[in-house]
Amino acid sequence: MTKLKKENLKTEWCKSCQYCVASCPKGALSIGEELNLSGFPYVVLDESKCINCGICRIVCPDCVFRFTEN
């Protein structure tokens, strides 16, 4: 089984489009207040809410999400 973890987010690639935030069925994603090197506020993951459905990875045009094996 794969797991999404905070440290596996490529936040430097996030352009704050919020497709993932809008698509997450459990509200595990939000846009934070800090900016990445490109000047965009980036996605933040609440691991306690994440069910590892993978929808975020599917809708993200910038490949921000990386899942790892448990």
C-alpha atoms as a PDB file:
ATOM      1  CA  MET A   1       0.000   0.000   0.000  1.00  0.00           C
ATOM      2  CA  THR A   2       1.192   3.502  -0.762  1.00  0.00           C
ATOM      3  CA  LYS A   3       1.186   6.424   1.638  1.00  0.00           C
ATOM      4  CA  LEU A   4       1.287  10.170   1.075  1.00  0.00           C
ATOM      5  CA  LYS A   5       3.624  11.919   3.506  1.00  0.00           C
ATOM      6  CA  LYS A   6       4.366  15.596   4.079  1.00  0.00           C
ATOM      7  CA  GLU A   7       8.047  15.160   3.291  1.00  0.00           C
ATOM      8  CA  ASN A   8       7.188  13.694  -0.125  1.00  0.00           C
ATOM      9  CA  LEU A   9       5.378  16.808  -1.371  1.00  0.00           C
ATOM     10  CA  LYS A  10       7.345  18.701  -3.999  1.00  0.00           C
ATOM     11  CA  THR A  11       6.162  22.054  -2.640  1.00  0.00           C
ATOM     12  CA  GLU A  12       8.661  23.928  -4.786  1.00  0.00           C
ATOM     13  CA  TRP A  13       6.633  22.810  -7.840  1.00  0.00           C
ATOM     14  CA  CYS A  14       3.255  23.954  -6.447  1.00  0.00           C
ATOM     15  CA  LYS A  15       1.634  26.892  -8.264  1.00  0.00           C
ATOM     16  CA  SER A  16      -1.303  27.172  -5.851  1.00  0.00           C
ATOM     17  CA  CYS A  17      -3.943  26.183  -8.412  1.00  0.00           C
ATOM     18  CA  GLN A  18      -5.892  24.467  -5.595  1.00  0.00           C
ATOM     19  CA  TYR A  19      -7.226  21.636  -7.793  1.00  0.00           C
ATOM     20  CA  CYS A  20      -6.042  19.196  -5.124  1.00  0.00           C
ATOM     21  CA  VAL A  21      -7.677  21.173  -2.306  1.00  0.00           C
ATOM     22  CA  ALA A  22     -11.004  21.233  -4.136  1.00  0.00           C
ATOM     23  CA  SER A  23     -10.793  17.518  -5.015  1.00  0.00           C
ATOM     24  CA  CYS A  24      -9.722  16.041  -1.667  1.00  0.00           C
ATOM     25  CA  PRO A  25     -12.696  14.080  -0.266  1.00  0.00           C
ATOM     26  CA  LYS A  26     -11.455  14.370   3.332  1.00  0.00           C
ATOM     27  CA  GLY A  27     -10.233  17.969   3.420  1.00  0.00           C
ATOM     28  CA  ALA A  28      -6.660  16.841   4.076  1.00  0.00           C
ATOM     29  CA  LEU A  29      -5.158  19.536   1.850  1.00  0.00           C
ATOM     30  CA  SER A  30      -5.039  23.296   2.219  1.00  0.00           C
ATOM     31  CA  ILE A  31      -2.942  26.155   0.924  1.00  0.00           C
ATOM     32  CA  GLY A  32      -0.493  27.431   3.506  1.00  0.00           C
ATOM     33  CA  GLU A  33       0.730  30.938   4.193  1.00  0.00           C
ATOM     34  CA  GLU A  34       4.403  30.412   3.333  1.00  0.00           C
ATOM     35  CA  LEU A  35       5.683  30.938  -0.205  1.00  0.00           C
ATOM     36  CA  ASN A  36       7.852  28.599  -2.243  1.00  0.00           C
ATOM     37  CA  LEU A  37      10.857  29.834  -4.227  1.00  0.00           C
ATOM     38  CA  SER A  38       8.593  30.729  -7.166  1.00  0.00           C
ATOM     39  CA  GLY A  39       6.517  33.010  -4.918  1.00  0.00           C
ATOM     40  CA  PHE A  40       3.411  30.829  -4.660  1.00  0.00           C
ATOM     41  CA  PRO A  41       1.729  29.740  -1.414  1.00  0.00           C
ATOM     42  CA  TYR A  42       1.968  25.968  -1.492  1.00  0.00           C
ATOM     43  CA  VAL A  43      -0.163  23.003  -0.535  1.00  0.00           C
ATOM     44  CA  VAL A  44      -0.072  21.669   3.034  1.00  0.00           C
ATOM     45  CA  LEU A  45      -1.071  18.110   3.985  1.00  0.00           C
ATOM     46  CA  ASP A  46      -2.817  17.028   7.193  1.00  0.00           C
ATOM     47  CA  GLU A  47      -1.657  13.394   7.312  1.00  0.00           C
ATOM     48  CA  SER A  48      -4.252  12.545   9.971  1.00  0.00           C
ATOM     49  CA  LYS A  49      -7.082  13.223   7.497  1.00  0.00           C
ATOM     50  CA  CYS A  50      -5.485  11.693   4.395  1.00  0.00           C
ATOM     51  CA  ILE A  51      -6.950   8.357   3.212  1.00  0.00           C
ATOM     52  CA  ASN A  52      -4.375   7.870   0.430  1.00  0.00           C
ATOM     53  CA  CYS A  53      -6.965   7.878  -2.338  1.00  0.00           C
ATOM     54  CA  GLY A  54      -4.541   9.444  -4.838  1.00  0.00           C
ATOM     55  CA  ILE A  55      -6.999  11.978  -6.245  1.00  0.00           C
ATOM     56  CA  CYS A  56      -4.540  14.799  -5.516  1.00  0.00           C
ATOM     57  CA  ARG A  57      -1.899  13.128  -7.660  1.00  0.00           C
ATOM     58  CA  ILE A  58      -4.358  12.671 -10.513  1.00  0.00           C
ATOM     59  CA  VAL A  59      -5.605  16.279 -10.603  1.00  0.00           C
ATOM     60  CA  CYS A  60      -2.283  18.051  -9.948  1.00  0.00           C
ATOM     61  CA  PRO A  61      -0.886  19.526 -13.178  1.00  0.00           C
ATOM     62  CA  ASP A  62       2.518  20.089 -11.547  1.00  0.00           C
ATOM     63  CA  CYS A  63       3.257  16.600 -10.125  1.00  0.00           C
ATOM     64  CA  VAL A  64       3.563  17.896  -6.550  1.00  0.00           C
ATOM     65  CA  PHE A  65       2.428  14.621  -4.956  1.00  0.00           C
ATOM     66  CA  ARG A  66       4.682  11.580  -4.518  1.00  0.00           C
ATOM     67  CA  PHE A  67       3.449   8.447  -2.798  1.00  0.00           C
ATOM     68  CA  THR A  68       5.850   6.018  -1.097  1.00  0.00           C
ATOM     69  CA  GLU A  69       5.626   2.417  -0.002  1.00  0.00           C
ATOM     70  CA  ASN A  70       4.866   1.853   3.696  1.00  0.00           C
END
